[in-house]
Amino acid sequence: MIGWIRKLLGTKRRTSARFVRVPLNVRAKYDAAMTTEENRRHWANVDYLSANALNSPDVRSTLRARSRYEVANNCYAFGIVMTKANHIVGTGPRLQVRFESKLLTDQIEASFRRWYDRVGLAEKIWTATVAKIQDGESFLIAVTNPFIATDGVQLDYRLVECDQVTTPFWSPTPEQPVDGIVFDAYGNVQAYHVLKEHPGDATLVSSRLDYDVVPAEQVIHIYTKYRPGQARGIPEITPALPLFAQLRRYTLAVLSAAETAADFAGILYTDAPPGGEAIEAEEWVPVELERRFQTPFGITACERQEGRAIRSGIILFQTPFGITACERMTSRCHVATRCVSNAFRHHCM
């Protein structure tokens, strides 16, 4: 009855406000995740490989060879590697013992120092550090050296280049090592496969498949693990290898430009009409010219700067100051070249 009256009178029933959830079309994204025509070529070499698959034996071998070549031929790379190794190692570690008996403390420290000097541990640690930076990793194997007679301690460490730590075979088994390193089910290193001879040795006599299985307790593997699960290292200067090559090209280009600017030039003028007979001219006065003879000061200064750069392990044109100095010398070469050209033209006319 009440409902019929409401309909007749046109009254509306109060309703409570309700919030209706309307789905929104959210388009959230990252700029770095977008692939456009401008950045398509830049991200063309992106992959989704694991750490060990990415650092395969072939890839690491190529990186090692290029890194060694660049360090051996680029003063920048050589100076970086040497500076870091010297800063890390210095004169080597030193043992400090704290006992109540000073006599016992001095005896232990002196004994360790004698063994330390006898095995040449400082040099081996320094070489291992250089190999870690240049090759990406280094290995030290604990051995018994019978020729060391220092208080009865015959412990010694043998340096092994990372090229020798590899597995020369492949078998589809769960115990398949990761290029020379055998792991257990929990990720612990169990053993290393070390070739008896270096694979790049020119006097290789035995088979390349001959290797020794060295327990993990006797091996010190030095490398930087950049990703979880990474078992082998890569050179620390890997990102800079293309830049080092460009730097050497730039240095040679600047030097070639300076040499070209220092060369002499001459211009010959004649009043004879085209196709006509040449008129008699006075005898020319010979002018003896030598290559770049007009800029002895610039060449001497350049040689002094290059010598200082080589001695310090850094090539020329390292800093903006060096480039500015070279530009100033180049401008002097241009002025001297114009002077010689004018003198040469005066003698020829």
Protein backbone atom coordinates (compact mmCIF):
# COMPACT_ATOMS: atom_id res chain seq x y z
CA MET A 1 0.00 0.00 0.00
CA ILE A 2 2.75 2.44 0.94
CA GLY A 3 4.67 1.56 -2.21
CA TRP A 4 1.56 2.21 -4.36
CA ILE A 5 1.06 5.64 -2.76
CA ARG A 6 4.69 6.55 -3.38
CA LYS A 7 4.37 5.67 -7.03
CA LEU A 8 1.16 7.69 -7.26
CA LEU A 9 2.66 10.77 -5.62
CA GLY A 10 5.91 10.41 -7.53
CA THR A 11 8.11 10.35 -4.44
CA LYS A 12 11.48 8.74 -4.70
CA ARG A 13 12.99 6.38 -2.20
CA ARG A 14 16.19 7.50 -0.61
CA THR A 15 19.14 5.45 -1.63
CA SER A 16 22.58 5.42 -0.03
CA ALA A 17 25.54 6.57 -2.06
CA ARG A 18 27.64 3.80 -3.50
CA PHE A 19 31.18 3.95 -4.86
CA VAL A 20 31.54 2.06 -8.09
CA ARG A 21 35.07 0.86 -8.97
CA VAL A 22 35.73 1.69 -12.59
CA PRO A 23 38.74 -0.06 -14.12
CA LEU A 24 41.35 2.41 -15.36
CA ASN A 25 43.59 1.79 -18.33
CA VAL A 26 46.96 2.49 -16.70
CA ARG A 27 49.92 2.68 -19.10
CA ALA A 28 52.92 2.79 -16.78
CA LYS A 29 56.30 2.11 -18.40
CA TYR A 30 60.03 2.78 -18.25
CA ASP A 31 61.78 4.84 -20.85
CA ALA A 32 64.76 2.49 -20.71
CA ALA A 33 62.50 -0.46 -21.58
CA MET A 34 61.27 1.12 -24.79
CA THR A 35 62.76 0.12 -28.13
CA THR A 36 62.71 2.84 -30.75
CA GLU A 37 64.36 3.38 -34.08
CA GLU A 38 66.95 5.59 -32.41
CA ASN A 39 68.11 3.06 -29.80
CA ARG A 40 67.44 -0.20 -31.67
CA ARG A 41 71.04 -0.54 -32.87
CA HIS A 42 72.41 0.40 -29.46
CA TRP A 43 70.63 -2.49 -27.73
CA ALA A 44 71.08 -4.96 -30.58
CA ASN A 45 73.63 -7.11 -28.67
CA VAL A 46 71.58 -7.49 -25.48
CA ASP A 47 71.24 -11.12 -24.35
CA TYR A 48 69.64 -13.08 -21.52
CA LEU A 49 72.45 -15.57 -20.90
CA SER A 50 73.53 -16.73 -17.48
CA ALA A 51 76.83 -15.62 -15.98
CA ASN A 52 78.69 -18.81 -16.94
CA ALA A 53 77.10 -18.98 -20.39
CA LEU A 54 78.00 -15.37 -21.07
CA ASN A 55 81.59 -15.87 -19.86
CA SER A 56 82.17 -18.92 -22.02
CA PRO A 57 85.72 -20.17 -22.65
CA ASP A 58 85.81 -18.64 -26.14
CA VAL A 59 84.58 -15.27 -24.92
CA ARG A 60 87.05 -15.15 -22.03
CA SER A 61 89.90 -16.23 -24.30
CA THR A 62 89.15 -13.36 -26.71
CA LEU A 63 88.87 -10.82 -23.90
CA ARG A 64 92.13 -12.01 -22.33
CA ALA A 65 94.05 -11.81 -25.61
CA ARG A 66 92.78 -8.31 -26.38
CA SER A 67 93.37 -7.10 -22.84
CA ARG A 68 96.96 -8.38 -22.84
CA TYR A 69 97.61 -6.80 -26.22
CA GLU A 70 96.21 -3.44 -25.11
CA VAL A 71 98.17 -3.41 -21.84
CA ALA A 72 101.36 -4.27 -23.72
CA ASN A 73 100.87 -1.55 -26.36
CA ASN A 74 98.91 1.22 -24.62
CA CYS A 75 100.61 3.38 -22.00
CA TYR A 76 97.26 4.33 -20.51
CA ALA A 77 96.25 0.72 -19.91
CA PHE A 78 99.73 -0.23 -18.72
CA GLY A 79 99.85 2.66 -16.27
CA ILE A 80 96.39 1.85 -14.88
CA VAL A 81 97.26 -1.81 -14.28
CA MET A 82 100.65 -1.05 -12.73
CA THR A 83 99.31 1.72 -10.52
CA LYS A 84 96.50 -0.41 -9.14
CA ALA A 85 98.77 -3.40 -8.52
CA ASN A 86 101.38 -1.27 -6.76
CA HIS A 87 98.71 0.42 -4.66
CA ILE A 88 97.11 -2.86 -3.57
CA VAL A 89 100.23 -4.94 -2.92
CA GLY A 90 102.91 -2.39 -2.12
CA THR A 91 105.76 -4.20 -0.35
CA GLY A 92 103.54 -7.15 0.49
CA PRO A 93 101.77 -8.37 3.63
CA ARG A 94 103.46 -8.31 7.01
CA LEU A 95 102.77 -10.60 9.97
CA GLN A 96 102.15 -9.02 13.37
CA VAL A 97 101.84 -11.33 16.38
CA ARG A 98 100.57 -10.20 19.77
CA PHE A 99 101.83 -12.34 22.64
CA GLU A 100 102.80 -11.48 26.18
CA SER A 101 106.28 -12.79 25.51
CA LYS A 102 108.10 -10.35 23.27
CA LEU A 103 110.82 -12.92 22.63
CA LEU A 104 108.30 -15.42 21.27
CA THR A 105 106.65 -12.71 19.17
CA ASP A 106 109.95 -11.68 17.60
CA GLN A 107 110.87 -15.30 16.86
CA ILE A 108 107.58 -16.03 15.07
CA GLU A 109 107.68 -12.82 13.05
CA ALA A 110 111.33 -13.38 12.07
CA SER A 111 110.61 -16.98 11.05
CA PHE A 112 107.67 -15.88 8.91
CA ARG A 113 109.79 -13.15 7.31
CA ARG A 114 112.51 -15.63 6.37
CA TRP A 115 109.97 -17.95 4.76
CA TYR A 116 108.25 -14.98 3.11
CA ASP A 117 111.49 -13.79 1.50
CA ARG A 118 112.59 -17.29 0.57
CA VAL A 119 109.48 -18.11 -1.48
CA GLY A 120 109.21 -14.58 -2.93
CA LEU A 121 105.61 -14.20 -1.79
CA ALA A 122 105.45 -10.44 -2.40
CA GLU A 123 106.39 -10.82 -6.06
CA LYS A 124 103.90 -13.66 -6.52
CA ILE A 125 101.07 -11.68 -4.94
CA TRP A 126 101.91 -8.68 -7.12
CA THR A 127 101.92 -10.83 -10.28
CA ALA A 128 98.62 -12.43 -9.26
CA THR A 129 97.11 -8.97 -8.80
CA VAL A 130 98.28 -7.87 -12.25
CA ALA A 131 96.82 -11.04 -13.76
CA LYS A 132 93.50 -10.43 -12.02
CA ILE A 133 93.24 -6.94 -13.50
CA GLN A 134 94.54 -7.86 -16.94
CA ASP A 135 93.21 -11.41 -17.40
CA GLY A 136 90.29 -11.32 -15.00
CA GLU A 137 91.52 -14.00 -12.62
CA SER A 138 94.61 -15.67 -11.22
CA PHE A 139 95.39 -18.96 -9.49
CA LEU A 140 97.92 -19.86 -6.78
CA ILE A 141 98.47 -23.54 -5.97
CA ALA A 142 99.99 -24.59 -2.68
CA VAL A 143 102.86 -27.02 -3.25
CA THR A 144 105.69 -28.57 -1.25
CA ASN A 145 109.03 -27.18 -2.34
CA PRO A 146 111.89 -29.41 -1.10
CA PHE A 147 114.46 -26.74 -1.94
CA ILE A 148 113.14 -24.42 0.74
CA ALA A 149 114.87 -25.09 4.02
CA THR A 150 113.52 -22.36 6.25
CA ASP A 151 112.89 -23.69 9.75
CA GLY A 152 111.54 -26.90 8.24
CA VAL A 153 108.67 -25.13 6.39
CA GLN A 154 108.56 -26.20 2.73
CA LEU A 155 105.25 -24.57 1.80
CA ASP A 156 105.35 -22.67 -1.47
CA TYR A 157 102.83 -21.21 -3.92
CA ARG A 158 102.98 -21.79 -7.65
CA LEU A 159 101.41 -19.25 -9.96
CA VAL A 160 99.24 -20.70 -12.72
CA GLU A 161 97.86 -18.64 -15.58
CA CYS A 162 94.11 -18.87 -16.03
CA ASP A 163 94.57 -20.39 -19.50
CA GLN A 164 95.74 -23.62 -17.87
CA VAL A 165 92.69 -24.01 -15.63
CA THR A 166 90.24 -25.61 -18.03
CA THR A 167 88.50 -28.89 -18.73
CA PRO A 168 89.66 -30.36 -22.05
CA PHE A 169 86.62 -32.62 -22.40
CA TRP A 170 82.83 -32.48 -22.11
CA SER A 171 80.43 -35.08 -20.81
CA PRO A 172 76.67 -34.72 -20.21
CA THR A 173 76.80 -35.58 -16.50
CA PRO A 174 75.67 -33.70 -13.39
CA GLU A 175 79.34 -33.43 -12.36
CA GLN A 176 80.22 -31.49 -15.51
CA PRO A 177 82.70 -28.81 -14.36
CA VAL A 178 82.40 -25.14 -15.25
CA ASP A 179 85.50 -24.83 -17.42
CA GLY A 180 87.98 -26.39 -15.04
CA ILE A 181 86.14 -25.99 -11.73
CA VAL A 182 84.17 -28.88 -10.21
CA PHE A 183 81.27 -27.99 -7.90
CA ASP A 184 79.16 -30.16 -5.63
CA ALA A 185 75.38 -30.08 -5.33
CA TYR A 186 75.59 -27.15 -2.89
CA GLY A 187 77.81 -24.94 -5.04
CA ASN A 188 81.02 -25.64 -3.13
CA VAL A 189 84.22 -26.00 -5.13
CA GLN A 190 85.59 -29.51 -4.94
CA ALA A 191 88.53 -29.54 -7.35
CA TYR A 192 90.26 -27.76 -10.22
CA HIS A 193 91.42 -29.17 -13.55
CA VAL A 194 94.87 -27.75 -14.30
CA LEU A 195 96.62 -28.52 -17.58
CA LYS A 196 100.15 -29.80 -17.20
CA GLU A 197 101.37 -27.35 -19.86
CA HIS A 198 100.18 -23.99 -21.10
CA PRO A 199 97.96 -24.37 -24.20
CA GLY A 200 99.82 -21.52 -25.89
CA ASP A 201 103.29 -22.85 -25.15
CA ALA A 202 105.45 -23.04 -28.28
CA THR A 203 107.37 -26.03 -26.89
CA LEU A 204 104.29 -28.09 -26.13
CA VAL A 205 105.37 -31.73 -25.98
CA SER A 206 102.71 -33.71 -24.13
CA SER A 207 99.09 -34.02 -25.14
CA ARG A 208 96.84 -31.03 -24.61
CA LEU A 209 94.40 -33.29 -22.74
CA ASP A 210 96.81 -34.08 -19.91
CA TYR A 211 95.72 -32.33 -16.73
CA ASP A 212 95.93 -32.68 -12.97
CA VAL A 213 93.00 -32.71 -10.57
CA VAL A 214 93.97 -30.38 -7.74
CA PRO A 215 91.84 -30.31 -4.56
CA ALA A 216 90.14 -27.06 -3.80
CA GLU A 217 91.96 -26.78 -0.45
CA GLN A 218 95.25 -26.26 -2.31
CA VAL A 219 94.06 -23.60 -4.76
CA ILE A 220 93.55 -19.86 -4.24
CA HIS A 221 91.27 -18.50 -6.98
CA ILE A 222 91.35 -14.69 -7.18
CA TYR A 223 88.65 -13.02 -9.25
CA THR A 224 85.73 -10.61 -8.93
CA LYS A 225 82.24 -12.10 -8.96
CA TYR A 226 79.98 -9.58 -10.66
CA ARG A 227 76.91 -11.85 -10.93
CA PRO A 228 75.42 -14.65 -8.80
CA GLY A 229 76.66 -18.03 -9.92
CA GLN A 230 79.65 -16.63 -11.79
CA ALA A 231 82.52 -19.13 -11.67
CA ARG A 232 85.21 -17.48 -13.82
CA GLY A 233 86.44 -13.92 -14.11
CA ILE A 234 86.83 -11.48 -16.98
CA PRO A 235 89.38 -8.66 -17.35
CA GLU A 236 88.60 -5.62 -15.26
CA ILE A 237 89.40 -3.31 -18.17
CA THR A 238 86.87 -5.02 -20.47
CA PRO A 239 84.52 -1.99 -20.74
CA ALA A 240 87.46 0.26 -21.65
CA LEU A 241 89.01 -1.93 -24.37
CA PRO A 242 87.18 -0.18 -27.27
CA LEU A 243 88.02 3.22 -25.77
CA PHE A 244 91.69 2.32 -25.47
CA ALA A 245 91.78 1.49 -29.19
CA GLN A 246 90.12 4.80 -30.04
CA LEU A 247 92.54 6.64 -27.78
CA ARG A 248 95.54 5.23 -29.61
CA ARG A 249 94.00 6.18 -32.96
CA TYR A 250 93.33 9.69 -31.70
CA THR A 251 96.90 10.07 -30.45
CA LEU A 252 98.36 8.97 -33.78
CA ALA A 253 95.96 11.27 -35.65
CA VAL A 254 97.02 14.28 -33.57
CA LEU A 255 100.68 13.43 -34.08
CA SER A 256 100.18 13.03 -37.84
CA ALA A 257 98.40 16.39 -37.97
CA ALA A 258 101.31 18.04 -36.12
CA GLU A 259 103.84 16.48 -38.53
CA THR A 260 101.83 17.60 -41.54
CA ALA A 261 101.57 21.13 -40.16
CA ALA A 262 105.35 21.22 -39.69
CA ASP A 263 106.14 20.25 -43.30
CA PHE A 264 107.37 23.05 -45.56
CA ALA A 265 105.40 24.23 -48.61
CA GLY A 266 106.24 26.34 -51.64
CA ILE A 267 104.31 28.16 -54.38
CA LEU A 268 105.72 28.93 -57.87
CA TYR A 269 104.50 31.94 -59.90
CA THR A 270 105.19 32.72 -63.57
CA ASP A 271 104.29 35.60 -65.90
CA ALA A 272 104.41 33.46 -69.02
CA PRO A 273 101.10 33.17 -70.86
CA PRO A 274 99.43 29.76 -71.03
CA GLY A 275 100.95 27.75 -73.85
CA GLY A 276 103.58 30.39 -74.54
CA GLU A 277 107.31 30.10 -74.44
CA ALA A 278 108.97 30.65 -71.11
CA ILE A 279 110.99 33.81 -70.86
CA GLU A 280 114.53 33.79 -69.69
CA ALA A 281 114.79 33.99 -65.93
CA GLU A 282 117.60 34.76 -63.63
CA GLU A 283 119.52 31.94 -62.09
CA TRP A 284 117.79 30.68 -58.98
CA VAL A 285 119.53 30.69 -55.68
CA PRO A 286 119.41 27.19 -54.18
CA VAL A 287 117.84 26.97 -50.77
CA GLU A 288 118.62 23.83 -48.77
CA LEU A 289 115.54 22.64 -46.94
CA GLU A 290 115.16 19.76 -44.56
CA ARG A 291 112.06 18.15 -43.25
CA ARG A 292 110.59 20.21 -40.37
CA PHE A 293 113.83 22.19 -39.98
CA GLN A 294 111.96 25.41 -39.33
CA THR A 295 110.50 24.32 -35.96
CA PRO A 296 113.36 22.96 -33.87
CA PHE A 297 111.89 24.47 -30.71
CA GLY A 298 108.52 22.83 -31.22
CA ILE A 299 110.01 19.45 -31.99
CA THR A 300 112.37 19.62 -29.03
CA ALA A 301 109.52 20.54 -26.69
CA CYS A 302 107.37 17.78 -28.11
CA GLU A 303 110.16 15.26 -27.64
CA ARG A 304 110.63 16.36 -24.04
CA GLN A 305 106.91 16.00 -23.32
CA GLU A 306 106.75 12.62 -25.02
CA GLY A 307 109.76 11.41 -23.05
CA ARG A 308 108.20 12.48 -19.77
CA ALA A 309 104.94 10.82 -20.75
CA ILE A 310 106.63 7.54 -21.63
CA ARG A 311 108.63 7.52 -18.41
CA SER A 312 105.50 8.08 -16.36
CA GLY A 313 103.58 5.37 -18.19
CA ILE A 314 101.16 7.86 -19.80
CA ILE A 315 101.17 8.78 -23.47
CA LEU A 316 101.09 12.28 -24.88
CA PHE A 317 97.90 14.33 -25.10
CA GLN A 318 96.64 12.92 -21.84
CA THR A 319 95.22 16.14 -20.38
CA PRO A 320 93.67 19.29 -21.85
CA PHE A 321 96.87 21.09 -20.88
CA GLY A 322 98.88 18.75 -23.11
CA ILE A 323 96.45 19.19 -25.99
CA THR A 324 96.54 22.97 -25.60
CA ALA A 325 100.34 22.92 -25.61
CA CYS A 326 100.32 20.82 -28.77
CA GLU A 327 97.87 23.22 -30.39
CA ARG A 328 100.12 26.14 -29.51
CA MET A 329 103.10 24.34 -31.05
CA THR A 330 101.01 23.57 -34.13
CA SER A 331 100.13 27.25 -34.52
CA ARG A 332 103.84 28.10 -34.30
CA CYS A 333 104.49 25.52 -37.02
CA HIS A 334 101.89 27.23 -39.25
CA VAL A 335 103.57 30.61 -38.72
CA ALA A 336 107.02 29.20 -39.44
CA THR A 337 105.70 27.42 -42.53
CA ARG A 338 104.27 30.66 -43.90
CA CYS A 339 107.58 32.43 -43.28
CA VAL A 340 109.57 29.77 -45.12
CA SER A 341 107.02 29.75 -47.94
CA ASN A 342 107.38 33.52 -48.38
CA ALA A 343 111.17 33.24 -48.36
CA PHE A 344 111.05 30.41 -50.87
CA ARG A 345 108.70 32.37 -53.13
CA HIS A 346 110.98 35.44 -52.90
CA HIS A 347 113.96 33.42 -54.15
CA CYS A 348 111.94 31.86 -56.94
CA MET A 349 110.47 35.05 -58.39
